[in-house]
Amino acid sequence: MTVIAIFGATGRTGRRVLTRALAAGFDVRALVRDPAKLATTSPALTVIRGDVLDLSAVDQTVAGSDSVLSLFGQVKGSPPTLQAEGTQLIVDAMGRHDVKRIVTLSGGGLSAPLDRPGPSDRIIRFLLKTLSGHVLADAEQHLRVLKASRLEWTVVRGPRLTEKPGTVTYRVGWVGVDASTQISRDDLADFILTQVKDRTFIGQMPFISA
């Protein structure tokens, strides 16, 4: 039985991934700050209470897992380097427990070598740097942490996320290449879960859109 460690399972995308993982028959270990925010219960779900910056809680969550889905991000009041620091703790724990596969979530503002951004993409990135520069800088640093590791990592990126029902169809491309400007959280969650076993995008940053 494959065991998945999920960080960010109470977020709007994370909770969708959690539901799908349990429905697909995975065992899940989820680190959450407030277990009351989990709307899902299952014998296959182990809940660890704590924070992604808590070394002990992160280590406990990773222990016994086969893959890691890191879906947490900055919210109001978060430390400016939350994603980078949390990712470093997760990577370190994976090394201690010999876990190789990690999938993380980021936005299209994070650049990839195969991107071909058009004028609108450049405007969006400029606005991100201007209005949320610390968030983008944190995402870039989390990527450096992954690249410095010896893990089988994939960074899943998306455009504007919507609450629309999923269509179970989406495009997997790059910014400006076979891409649109939005995707439903349902469809994004579907793709993220496929990456537990799919090795196509190891060391890459696919852009998922409707």
C-alpha atoms as a PDB file:
ATOM      1  CA  MET A   1       0.000   0.000   0.000  1.00  0.00           C
ATOM      2  CA  THR A   2       1.373   3.418  -0.992  1.00  0.00           C
ATOM      3  CA  VAL A   3       1.503   5.916   1.851  1.00  0.00           C
ATOM      4  CA  ILE A   4       1.375   9.637   1.026  1.00  0.00           C
ATOM      5  CA  ALA A   5       2.441  12.425   3.355  1.00  0.00           C
ATOM      6  CA  ILE A   6       0.429  15.585   2.683  1.00  0.00           C
ATOM      7  CA  PHE A   7       1.361  19.047   3.880  1.00  0.00           C
ATOM      8  CA  GLY A   8      -1.409  21.624   3.393  1.00  0.00           C
ATOM      9  CA  ALA A   9      -4.315  19.169   3.514  1.00  0.00           C
ATOM     10  CA  THR A  10      -6.777  21.751   4.865  1.00  0.00           C
ATOM     11  CA  GLY A  11      -6.175  24.271   2.076  1.00  0.00           C
ATOM     12  CA  ARG A  12      -8.633  24.748  -0.755  1.00  0.00           C
ATOM     13  CA  THR A  13      -6.556  22.613  -3.106  1.00  0.00           C
ATOM     14  CA  GLY A  14      -5.058  20.358  -0.454  1.00  0.00           C
ATOM     15  CA  ARG A  15      -8.380  19.143   0.871  1.00  0.00           C
ATOM     16  CA  ARG A  16      -9.382  18.108  -2.635  1.00  0.00           C
ATOM     17  CA  VAL A  17      -6.147  16.166  -3.033  1.00  0.00           C
ATOM     18  CA  LEU A  18      -6.711  14.513   0.343  1.00  0.00           C
ATOM     19  CA  THR A  19     -10.225  13.402  -0.571  1.00  0.00           C
ATOM     20  CA  ARG A  20      -9.046  11.984  -3.886  1.00  0.00           C
ATOM     21  CA  ALA A  21      -6.071  10.219  -2.325  1.00  0.00           C
ATOM     22  CA  LEU A  22      -8.266   8.407   0.181  1.00  0.00           C
ATOM     23  CA  ALA A  23     -10.843   7.547  -2.490  1.00  0.00           C
ATOM     24  CA  ALA A  24      -8.039   6.102  -4.640  1.00  0.00           C
ATOM     25  CA  GLY A  25      -7.028   3.749  -1.840  1.00  0.00           C
ATOM     26  CA  PHE A  26      -3.887   5.476  -0.596  1.00  0.00           C
ATOM     27  CA  ASP A  27      -2.971   5.654   3.064  1.00  0.00           C
ATOM     28  CA  VAL A  28      -2.386   9.283   4.031  1.00  0.00           C
ATOM     29  CA  ARG A  29      -0.375  10.987   6.747  1.00  0.00           C
ATOM     30  CA  ALA A  30      -1.464  14.640   7.002  1.00  0.00           C
ATOM     31  CA  LEU A  31       0.174  17.419   8.997  1.00  0.00           C
ATOM     32  CA  VAL A  32      -2.390  20.037  10.027  1.00  0.00           C
ATOM     33  CA  ARG A  33      -2.338  22.911  12.482  1.00  0.00           C
ATOM     34  CA  ASP A  34      -6.009  22.486  13.368  1.00  0.00           C
ATOM     35  CA  PRO A  35      -7.486  18.971  12.931  1.00  0.00           C
ATOM     36  CA  ALA A  36     -10.975  20.461  13.324  1.00  0.00           C
ATOM     37  CA  LYS A  37     -10.564  21.957   9.847  1.00  0.00           C
ATOM     38  CA  LEU A  38     -10.353  18.495   8.307  1.00  0.00           C
ATOM     39  CA  ALA A  39     -13.737  17.622   6.827  1.00  0.00           C
ATOM     40  CA  THR A  40     -12.560  14.126   5.925  1.00  0.00           C
ATOM     41  CA  THR A  41     -12.169  11.126   8.205  1.00  0.00           C
ATOM     42  CA  SER A  42     -10.983   7.656   7.288  1.00  0.00           C
ATOM     43  CA  PRO A  43      -9.228   4.661   8.843  1.00  0.00           C
ATOM     44  CA  ALA A  44      -6.599   5.244   6.159  1.00  0.00           C
ATOM     45  CA  LEU A  45      -5.918   8.806   7.402  1.00  0.00           C
ATOM     46  CA  THR A  46      -3.355   9.520  10.110  1.00  0.00           C
ATOM     47  CA  VAL A  47      -3.477  13.104  11.352  1.00  0.00           C
ATOM     48  CA  ILE A  48      -0.405  14.731  12.889  1.00  0.00           C
ATOM     49  CA  ARG A  49      -1.039  18.023  14.608  1.00  0.00           C
ATOM     50  CA  GLY A  50       1.628  20.644  14.106  1.00  0.00           C
ATOM     51  CA  ASP A  51       3.185  23.220  11.840  1.00  0.00           C
ATOM     52  CA  VAL A  52       5.370  22.811   8.770  1.00  0.00           C
ATOM     53  CA  LEU A  53       8.104  24.750  10.590  1.00  0.00           C
ATOM     54  CA  ASP A  54       8.012  22.261  13.474  1.00  0.00           C
ATOM     55  CA  LEU A  55      10.895  19.830  12.890  1.00  0.00           C
ATOM     56  CA  SER A  56       9.431  17.068  15.044  1.00  0.00           C
ATOM     57  CA  ALA A  57       5.977  17.243  13.455  1.00  0.00           C
ATOM     58  CA  VAL A  58       7.418  17.282   9.927  1.00  0.00           C
ATOM     59  CA  ASP A  59       9.622  14.296  10.720  1.00  0.00           C
ATOM     60  CA  GLN A  60       6.669  12.379  12.165  1.00  0.00           C
ATOM     61  CA  THR A  61       4.589  13.097   9.073  1.00  0.00           C
ATOM     62  CA  VAL A  62       7.249  11.958   6.605  1.00  0.00           C
ATOM     63  CA  ALA A  63       8.169   8.820   8.572  1.00  0.00           C
ATOM     64  CA  GLY A  64       6.609   5.747   7.003  1.00  0.00           C
ATOM     65  CA  SER A  65       5.539   7.493   3.804  1.00  0.00           C
ATOM     66  CA  ASP A  66       6.458   6.618   0.225  1.00  0.00           C
ATOM     67  CA  SER A  67       5.769  10.003  -1.384  1.00  0.00           C
ATOM     68  CA  VAL A  68       5.254  13.592  -0.237  1.00  0.00           C
ATOM     69  CA  LEU A  69       2.742  16.124  -1.546  1.00  0.00           C
ATOM     70  CA  SER A  70       3.672  19.595  -0.328  1.00  0.00           C
ATOM     71  CA  LEU A  71       0.674  21.835  -0.980  1.00  0.00           C
ATOM     72  CA  PHE A  72       1.027  24.521   1.660  1.00  0.00           C
ATOM     73  CA  GLY A  73       1.605  28.159   0.849  1.00  0.00           C
ATOM     74  CA  GLN A  74       1.649  31.569   2.362  1.00  0.00           C
ATOM     75  CA  VAL A  75      -1.468  33.031   3.943  1.00  0.00           C
ATOM     76  CA  LYS A  76      -2.021  36.269   5.795  1.00  0.00           C
ATOM     77  CA  GLY A  77       0.442  36.477   8.640  1.00  0.00           C
ATOM     78  CA  SER A  78       2.782  33.766   7.346  1.00  0.00           C
ATOM     79  CA  PRO A  79       6.548  34.197   7.697  1.00  0.00           C
ATOM     80  CA  PRO A  80       7.954  35.598   4.432  1.00  0.00           C
ATOM     81  CA  THR A  81      10.094  32.498   3.896  1.00  0.00           C
ATOM     82  CA  LEU A  82       7.486  29.914   4.922  1.00  0.00           C
ATOM     83  CA  GLN A  83       7.610  27.793   1.753  1.00  0.00           C
ATOM     84  CA  ALA A  84      11.388  27.716   1.549  1.00  0.00           C
ATOM     85  CA  GLU A  85      11.914  26.915   5.227  1.00  0.00           C
ATOM     86  CA  GLY A  86       9.119  24.350   5.316  1.00  0.00           C
ATOM     87  CA  THR A  87      10.402  22.701   2.149  1.00  0.00           C
ATOM     88  CA  GLN A  88      13.888  22.485   3.614  1.00  0.00           C
ATOM     89  CA  LEU A  89      12.559  20.731   6.727  1.00  0.00           C
ATOM     90  CA  ILE A  90      10.556  18.312   4.569  1.00  0.00           C
ATOM     91  CA  VAL A  91      13.547  17.586   2.324  1.00  0.00           C
ATOM     92  CA  ASP A  92      15.737  16.946   5.353  1.00  0.00           C
ATOM     93  CA  ALA A  93      13.141  14.587   6.852  1.00  0.00           C
ATOM     94  CA  MET A  94      12.855  12.744   3.534  1.00  0.00           C
ATOM     95  CA  GLY A  95      16.599  12.190   3.603  1.00  0.00           C
ATOM     96  CA  ARG A  96      16.431  10.736   7.099  1.00  0.00           C
ATOM     97  CA  HIS A  97      13.605   8.379   6.152  1.00  0.00           C
ATOM     98  CA  ASP A  98      14.818   7.492   2.637  1.00  0.00           C
ATOM     99  CA  VAL A  99      11.768   8.948   0.864  1.00  0.00           C
ATOM    100  CA  LYS A 100      12.555  10.032  -2.696  1.00  0.00           C
ATOM    101  CA  ARG A 101       9.402  11.425  -4.340  1.00  0.00           C
ATOM    102  CA  ILE A 102       8.080  14.934  -3.623  1.00  0.00           C
ATOM    103  CA  VAL A 103       5.515  17.002  -5.512  1.00  0.00           C
ATOM    104  CA  THR A 104       5.051  20.658  -4.589  1.00  0.00           C
ATOM    105  CA  LEU A 105       2.565  23.315  -5.679  1.00  0.00           C
ATOM    106  CA  SER A 106       3.360  26.793  -6.949  1.00  0.00           C
ATOM    107  CA  GLY A 107       2.059  29.437  -9.336  1.00  0.00           C
ATOM    108  CA  GLY A 108       2.847  30.428 -12.884  1.00  0.00           C
ATOM    109  CA  GLY A 109       4.979  33.307 -11.652  1.00  0.00           C
ATOM    110  CA  LEU A 110       7.718  30.776 -11.005  1.00  0.00           C
ATOM    111  CA  SER A 111       9.652  30.545 -14.267  1.00  0.00           C
ATOM    112  CA  ALA A 112      10.649  27.309 -16.007  1.00  0.00           C
ATOM    113  CA  PRO A 113      13.144  26.828 -18.863  1.00  0.00           C
ATOM    114  CA  LEU A 114      10.465  25.629 -21.315  1.00  0.00           C
ATOM    115  CA  ASP A 115       8.143  28.589 -20.695  1.00  0.00           C
ATOM    116  CA  ARG A 116       7.451  30.938 -23.581  1.00  0.00           C
ATOM    117  CA  PRO A 117       5.599  33.789 -21.852  1.00  0.00           C
ATOM    118  CA  GLY A 118       3.552  36.146 -23.948  1.00  0.00           C
ATOM    119  CA  PRO A 119       2.803  39.814 -23.189  1.00  0.00           C
ATOM    120  CA  SER A 120      -0.030  38.975 -20.764  1.00  0.00           C
ATOM    121  CA  ASP A 121       2.172  36.460 -18.936  1.00  0.00           C
ATOM    122  CA  ARG A 122       4.898  39.074 -18.540  1.00  0.00           C
ATOM    123  CA  ILE A 123       2.389  41.558 -17.159  1.00  0.00           C
ATOM    124  CA  ILE A 124       1.130  39.028 -14.632  1.00  0.00           C
ATOM    125  CA  ARG A 125       4.663  38.241 -13.499  1.00  0.00           C
ATOM    126  CA  PHE A 126       5.456  41.955 -13.198  1.00  0.00           C
ATOM    127  CA  LEU A 127       2.372  42.463 -11.020  1.00  0.00           C
ATOM    128  CA  LEU A 128       3.296  39.478  -8.867  1.00  0.00           C
ATOM    129  CA  LYS A 129       6.786  40.830  -8.307  1.00  0.00           C
ATOM    130  CA  THR A 130       5.409  44.287  -7.566  1.00  0.00           C
ATOM    131  CA  LEU A 131       2.485  43.352  -5.316  1.00  0.00           C
ATOM    132  CA  SER A 132       3.629  40.041  -3.830  1.00  0.00           C
ATOM    133  CA  GLY A 133       7.370  40.026  -4.354  1.00  0.00           C
ATOM    134  CA  HIS A 134       8.081  38.183  -1.120  1.00  0.00           C
ATOM    135  CA  VAL A 135       5.738  35.333  -2.126  1.00  0.00           C
ATOM    136  CA  LEU A 136       7.474  34.904  -5.472  1.00  0.00           C
ATOM    137  CA  ALA A 137      10.891  35.120  -3.838  1.00  0.00           C
ATOM    138  CA  ASP A 138       9.845  32.432  -1.366  1.00  0.00           C
ATOM    139  CA  ALA A 139       8.663  30.186  -4.215  1.00  0.00           C
ATOM    140  CA  GLU A 140      11.966  30.693  -6.031  1.00  0.00           C
ATOM    141  CA  GLN A 141      13.919  29.795  -2.904  1.00  0.00           C
ATOM    142  CA  HIS A 142      11.813  26.654  -2.352  1.00  0.00           C
ATOM    143  CA  LEU A 143      12.744  25.636  -5.906  1.00  0.00           C
ATOM    144  CA  ARG A 144      16.431  26.107  -5.114  1.00  0.00           C
ATOM    145  CA  VAL A 145      15.996  23.855  -2.089  1.00  0.00           C
ATOM    146  CA  LEU A 146      14.503  21.140  -4.294  1.00  0.00           C
ATOM    147  CA  LYS A 147      17.200  21.479  -6.945  1.00  0.00           C
ATOM    148  CA  ALA A 148      19.913  21.158  -4.308  1.00  0.00           C
ATOM    149  CA  SER A 149      18.385  17.907  -3.057  1.00  0.00           C
ATOM    150  CA  ARG A 150      18.799  14.470  -4.606  1.00  0.00           C
ATOM    151  CA  LEU A 151      15.066  13.895  -4.604  1.00  0.00           C
ATOM    152  CA  GLU A 152      12.681  13.021  -7.424  1.00  0.00           C
ATOM    153  CA  TRP A 153      10.905  16.362  -7.348  1.00  0.00           C
ATOM    154  CA  THR A 154       8.168  17.927  -9.454  1.00  0.00           C
ATOM    155  CA  VAL A 155       6.771  21.430  -9.033  1.00  0.00           C
ATOM    156  CA  VAL A 156       3.191  21.671 -10.287  1.00  0.00           C
ATOM    157  CA  ARG A 157       2.309  25.203 -11.382  1.00  0.00           C
ATOM    158  CA  GLY A 158      -1.078  26.653 -12.198  1.00  0.00           C
ATOM    159  CA  PRO A 159      -2.679  29.925 -13.342  1.00  0.00           C
ATOM    160  CA  ARG A 160      -5.687  31.516 -11.635  1.00  0.00           C
ATOM    161  CA  LEU A 161      -7.491  28.874  -9.597  1.00  0.00           C
ATOM    162  CA  THR A 162     -11.285  28.686  -9.648  1.00  0.00           C
ATOM    163  CA  GLU A 163     -13.915  26.927  -7.560  1.00  0.00           C
ATOM    164  CA  LYS A 164     -15.725  25.652 -10.652  1.00  0.00           C
ATOM    165  CA  PRO A 165     -16.490  21.920 -10.813  1.00  0.00           C
ATOM    166  CA  GLY A 166     -13.737  19.927 -12.452  1.00  0.00           C
ATOM    167  CA  THR A 167     -14.051  18.699 -16.009  1.00  0.00           C
ATOM    168  CA  VAL A 168     -11.456  15.908 -15.648  1.00  0.00           C
ATOM    169  CA  THR A 169      -9.778  17.409 -18.697  1.00  0.00           C
ATOM    170  CA  TYR A 170      -6.886  19.821 -18.525  1.00  0.00           C
ATOM    171  CA  ARG A 171      -3.801  20.859 -20.422  1.00  0.00           C
ATOM    172  CA  VAL A 172      -0.307  20.002 -19.269  1.00  0.00           C
ATOM    173  CA  GLY A 173       2.134  22.427 -20.832  1.00  0.00           C
ATOM    174  CA  TRP A 174       4.255  25.443 -20.001  1.00  0.00           C
ATOM    175  CA  VAL A 175       3.539  29.132 -19.535  1.00  0.00           C
ATOM    176  CA  GLY A 176       2.707  30.440 -22.999  1.00  0.00           C
ATOM    177  CA  VAL A 177       2.765  26.926 -24.512  1.00  0.00           C
ATOM    178  CA  ASP A 178      -0.519  25.020 -24.707  1.00  0.00           C
ATOM    179  CA  ALA A 179      -1.847  26.922 -21.714  1.00  0.00           C
ATOM    180  CA  SER A 180      -4.826  28.997 -20.642  1.00  0.00           C
ATOM    181  CA  THR A 181      -5.272  31.517 -17.835  1.00  0.00           C
ATOM    182  CA  GLN A 182      -7.249  29.448 -15.335  1.00  0.00           C
ATOM    183  CA  ILE A 183      -7.974  25.983 -13.969  1.00  0.00           C
ATOM    184  CA  SER A 184     -10.405  24.597 -11.422  1.00  0.00           C
ATOM    185  CA  ARG A 185      -8.986  23.385  -8.128  1.00  0.00           C
ATOM    186  CA  ASP A 186     -10.703  20.048  -8.790  1.00  0.00           C
ATOM    187  CA  ASP A 187      -8.749  19.462 -11.995  1.00  0.00           C
ATOM    188  CA  LEU A 188      -5.520  20.695 -10.433  1.00  0.00           C
ATOM    189  CA  ALA A 189      -6.013  18.238  -7.565  1.00  0.00           C
ATOM    190  CA  ASP A 190      -6.612  15.418 -10.056  1.00  0.00           C
ATOM    191  CA  PHE A 191      -3.305  16.113 -11.780  1.00  0.00           C
ATOM    192  CA  ILE A 192      -1.348  16.482  -8.550  1.00  0.00           C
ATOM    193  CA  LEU A 193      -2.469  13.050  -7.407  1.00  0.00           C
ATOM    194  CA  THR A 194      -1.347  11.466 -10.694  1.00  0.00           C
ATOM    195  CA  GLN A 195       2.178  12.628  -9.912  1.00  0.00           C
ATOM    196  CA  VAL A 196       2.513  10.252  -6.972  1.00  0.00           C
ATOM    197  CA  LYS A 197       3.307   7.460  -9.426  1.00  0.00           C
ATOM    198  CA  ASP A 198       3.937   9.302 -12.709  1.00  0.00           C
ATOM    199  CA  ARG A 199       7.649   9.989 -13.263  1.00  0.00           C
ATOM    200  CA  THR A 200       7.248  11.975 -16.488  1.00  0.00           C
ATOM    201  CA  PHE A 201       7.974  15.337 -14.899  1.00  0.00           C
ATOM    202  CA  ILE A 202      10.749  14.533 -12.464  1.00  0.00           C
ATOM    203  CA  GLY A 203      12.967  17.594 -12.181  1.00  0.00           C
ATOM    204  CA  GLN A 204      10.441  19.700 -14.114  1.00  0.00           C
ATOM    205  CA  MET A 205       7.724  22.288 -13.475  1.00  0.00           C
ATOM    206  CA  PRO A 206       4.662  21.538 -15.624  1.00  0.00           C
ATOM    207  CA  PHE A 207       1.989  24.227 -15.968  1.00  0.00           C
ATOM    208  CA  ILE A 208      -1.556  22.886 -15.632  1.00  0.00           C
ATOM    209  CA  SER A 209      -4.477  24.821 -17.090  1.00  0.00           C
ATOM    210  CA  ALA A 210      -8.005  24.381 -18.432  1.00  0.00           C
END
